[in-house]
Amino acid sequence: GSGVNAALKILTLFFVGGASTCAALISCQRVDAGGYALQDHFLRHLPDLGCSHNSMVPSEVAAVFWPCAVCYAILIPCFLFYLYVRQHLVLRYTRMPLELSDSKREPLAL
């Protein structure tokens, strides 16, 4: 029970880190460390590529960003939800303080 719970928490942390990195793929660096505006904007994680003013996602990055965005927005949260629900359903009987019995004399047992 506790090992599965810890694994789910670690998976959730990996999910948050991956989603953050996916979002950072399209973040533009517009100012330098001193706060001064840069003449040429560039992608923070890919400094060789410039930022596009027409599109949110540069064409060079779109092939990586959109599949990652779909996975982190839809597939992985659904999978994590399934794992949390499955863990809850499987472990629900071990968390019950009372046990139902078949005898008519004592329907509940501690």
C-alpha atoms as a PDB file:
ATOM      1  CA  GLY A   1       0.000   0.000   0.000  1.00  0.00           C
ATOM      2  CA  SER A   2       2.589   2.602   1.016  1.00  0.00           C
ATOM      3  CA  GLY A   3       5.007   1.672  -1.781  1.00  0.00           C
ATOM      4  CA  VAL A   4       2.305   2.174  -4.391  1.00  0.00           C
ATOM      5  CA  ASN A   5       1.322   5.466  -2.769  1.00  0.00           C
ATOM      6  CA  ALA A   6       4.931   6.693  -2.832  1.00  0.00           C
ATOM      7  CA  ALA A   7       5.318   5.624  -6.468  1.00  0.00           C
ATOM      8  CA  LEU A   8       2.183   7.563  -7.424  1.00  0.00           C
ATOM      9  CA  LYS A   9       3.521  10.679  -5.702  1.00  0.00           C
ATOM     10  CA  ILE A  10       6.832  10.345  -7.566  1.00  0.00           C
ATOM     11  CA  LEU A  11       4.981   9.882 -10.880  1.00  0.00           C
ATOM     12  CA  THR A  12       2.991  13.034 -10.132  1.00  0.00           C
ATOM     13  CA  LEU A  13       6.211  14.986  -9.503  1.00  0.00           C
ATOM     14  CA  PHE A  14       7.669  13.711 -12.787  1.00  0.00           C
ATOM     15  CA  PHE A  15       4.444  14.778 -14.505  1.00  0.00           C
ATOM     16  CA  VAL A  16       4.664  18.313 -13.104  1.00  0.00           C
ATOM     17  CA  GLY A  17       8.351  18.588 -14.049  1.00  0.00           C
ATOM     18  CA  GLY A  18       7.729  17.300 -17.564  1.00  0.00           C
ATOM     19  CA  ALA A  19       4.756  19.592 -18.112  1.00  0.00           C
ATOM     20  CA  SER A  20       6.824  22.536 -16.900  1.00  0.00           C
ATOM     21  CA  THR A  21       9.635  21.665 -19.307  1.00  0.00           C
ATOM     22  CA  CYS A  22       7.161  21.228 -22.156  1.00  0.00           C
ATOM     23  CA  ALA A  23       5.749  24.694 -21.486  1.00  0.00           C
ATOM     24  CA  ALA A  24       9.268  26.116 -21.257  1.00  0.00           C
ATOM     25  CA  LEU A  25      10.000  24.917 -24.796  1.00  0.00           C
ATOM     26  CA  ILE A  26       8.031  27.845 -26.176  1.00  0.00           C
ATOM     27  CA  SER A  27       9.020  30.522 -23.657  1.00  0.00           C
ATOM     28  CA  CYS A  28      10.898  33.440 -25.222  1.00  0.00           C
ATOM     29  CA  GLN A  29      13.762  35.300 -23.590  1.00  0.00           C
ATOM     30  CA  ARG A  30      12.930  38.962 -24.130  1.00  0.00           C
ATOM     31  CA  VAL A  31      15.165  40.583 -21.487  1.00  0.00           C
ATOM     32  CA  ASP A  32      18.652  39.837 -20.218  1.00  0.00           C
ATOM     33  CA  ALA A  33      19.639  39.142 -16.602  1.00  0.00           C
ATOM     34  CA  GLY A  34      19.841  42.863 -15.860  1.00  0.00           C
ATOM     35  CA  GLY A  35      16.295  43.460 -17.079  1.00  0.00           C
ATOM     36  CA  TYR A  36      17.301  45.222 -20.297  1.00  0.00           C
ATOM     37  CA  ALA A  37      15.334  44.432 -23.462  1.00  0.00           C
ATOM     38  CA  LEU A  38      17.080  42.242 -26.000  1.00  0.00           C
ATOM     39  CA  GLN A  39      17.067  43.168 -29.669  1.00  0.00           C
ATOM     40  CA  ASP A  40      16.748  39.572 -30.840  1.00  0.00           C
ATOM     41  CA  HIS A  41      14.307  37.434 -28.875  1.00  0.00           C
ATOM     42  CA  PHE A  42      15.164  33.758 -28.612  1.00  0.00           C
ATOM     43  CA  LEU A  43      13.750  30.596 -27.101  1.00  0.00           C
ATOM     44  CA  ARG A  44      15.024  30.042 -23.599  1.00  0.00           C
ATOM     45  CA  HIS A  45      15.868  26.343 -23.991  1.00  0.00           C
ATOM     46  CA  LEU A  46      16.873  26.595 -27.639  1.00  0.00           C
ATOM     47  CA  PRO A  47      18.874  29.829 -27.896  1.00  0.00           C
ATOM     48  CA  ASP A  48      19.832  29.208 -31.541  1.00  0.00           C
ATOM     49  CA  LEU A  49      16.177  29.594 -32.586  1.00  0.00           C
ATOM     50  CA  GLY A  50      14.528  32.983 -32.651  1.00  0.00           C
ATOM     51  CA  CYS A  51      11.023  33.693 -31.389  1.00  0.00           C
ATOM     52  CA  SER A  52       8.266  34.072 -33.902  1.00  0.00           C
ATOM     53  CA  HIS A  53       5.983  37.055 -33.521  1.00  0.00           C
ATOM     54  CA  ASN A  54       3.248  35.520 -35.712  1.00  0.00           C
ATOM     55  CA  SER A  55       2.892  32.199 -33.914  1.00  0.00           C
ATOM     56  CA  MET A  56       3.058  31.059 -30.322  1.00  0.00           C
ATOM     57  CA  VAL A  57       5.028  27.945 -31.320  1.00  0.00           C
ATOM     58  CA  PRO A  58       7.942  28.268 -33.767  1.00  0.00           C
ATOM     59  CA  SER A  59       7.753  25.821 -36.644  1.00  0.00           C
ATOM     60  CA  GLU A  60      11.057  24.162 -35.671  1.00  0.00           C
ATOM     61  CA  VAL A  61       9.711  23.339 -32.203  1.00  0.00           C
ATOM     62  CA  ALA A  62       6.118  22.458 -33.143  1.00  0.00           C
ATOM     63  CA  ALA A  63       6.983  18.848 -34.043  1.00  0.00           C
ATOM     64  CA  VAL A  64       8.171  18.264 -30.465  1.00  0.00           C
ATOM     65  CA  PHE A  65       5.911  20.652 -28.548  1.00  0.00           C
ATOM     66  CA  TRP A  66       2.449  19.591 -29.764  1.00  0.00           C
ATOM     67  CA  PRO A  67       2.821  15.830 -29.129  1.00  0.00           C
ATOM     68  CA  CYS A  68       4.286  16.616 -25.696  1.00  0.00           C
ATOM     69  CA  ALA A  69       1.500  19.072 -24.960  1.00  0.00           C
ATOM     70  CA  VAL A  70      -1.175  16.516 -25.885  1.00  0.00           C
ATOM     71  CA  CYS A  71       0.479  13.872 -23.731  1.00  0.00           C
ATOM     72  CA  TYR A  72       0.890  16.164 -20.728  1.00  0.00           C
ATOM     73  CA  ALA A  73      -2.583  17.718 -21.097  1.00  0.00           C
ATOM     74  CA  ILE A  74      -4.682  14.604 -21.794  1.00  0.00           C
ATOM     75  CA  LEU A  75      -2.981  11.205 -21.760  1.00  0.00           C
ATOM     76  CA  ILE A  76      -0.787  11.365 -18.654  1.00  0.00           C
ATOM     77  CA  PRO A  77      -3.429  12.993 -16.364  1.00  0.00           C
ATOM     78  CA  CYS A  78      -5.958  10.330 -17.427  1.00  0.00           C
ATOM     79  CA  PHE A  79      -3.431   7.590 -16.720  1.00  0.00           C
ATOM     80  CA  LEU A  80      -2.596   9.060 -13.288  1.00  0.00           C
ATOM     81  CA  PHE A  81      -6.306   9.412 -12.468  1.00  0.00           C
ATOM     82  CA  TYR A  82      -6.821   5.757 -13.435  1.00  0.00           C
ATOM     83  CA  LEU A  83      -3.936   4.679 -11.178  1.00  0.00           C
ATOM     84  CA  TYR A  84      -5.211   6.709  -8.203  1.00  0.00           C
ATOM     85  CA  VAL A  85      -8.753   5.333  -8.594  1.00  0.00           C
ATOM     86  CA  ARG A  86      -7.478   1.776  -9.025  1.00  0.00           C
ATOM     87  CA  GLN A  87      -5.322   2.083  -5.908  1.00  0.00           C
ATOM     88  CA  HIS A  88      -8.271   3.450  -3.942  1.00  0.00           C
ATOM     89  CA  LEU A  89     -10.564   0.632  -5.085  1.00  0.00           C
ATOM     90  CA  VAL A  90      -8.042  -2.139  -4.476  1.00  0.00           C
ATOM     91  CA  LEU A  91      -7.079  -0.916  -1.001  1.00  0.00           C
ATOM     92  CA  ARG A  92     -10.533   0.123   0.226  1.00  0.00           C
ATOM     93  CA  TYR A  93     -11.182  -3.166   2.039  1.00  0.00           C
ATOM     94  CA  THR A  94      -7.894  -3.046   3.912  1.00  0.00           C
ATOM     95  CA  ARG A  95      -8.792   0.400   5.259  1.00  0.00           C
ATOM     96  CA  MET A  96     -12.176  -0.654   6.660  1.00  0.00           C
ATOM     97  CA  PRO A  97     -12.292  -0.956  10.458  1.00  0.00           C
ATOM     98  CA  LEU A  98     -15.350  -3.263  10.257  1.00  0.00           C
ATOM     99  CA  GLU A  99     -15.758  -6.481   8.360  1.00  0.00           C
ATOM    100  CA  LEU A 100     -19.037  -7.854   7.051  1.00  0.00           C
ATOM    101  CA  SER A 101     -19.617 -11.506   7.877  1.00  0.00           C
ATOM    102  CA  ASP A 102     -22.052 -14.079   6.534  1.00  0.00           C
ATOM    103  CA  SER A 103     -23.455 -15.132   9.902  1.00  0.00           C
ATOM    104  CA  LYS A 104     -26.884 -13.843  10.863  1.00  0.00           C
ATOM    105  CA  ARG A 105     -26.003 -13.622  14.537  1.00  0.00           C
ATOM    106  CA  GLU A 106     -23.149 -11.126  14.109  1.00  0.00           C
ATOM    107  CA  PRO A 107     -23.350  -9.223  10.804  1.00  0.00           C
ATOM    108  CA  LEU A 108     -20.464  -6.914  11.775  1.00  0.00           C
ATOM    109  CA  ALA A 109     -17.137  -7.932  13.249  1.00  0.00           C
ATOM    110  CA  LEU A 110     -14.185  -5.861  14.401  1.00  0.00           C
END
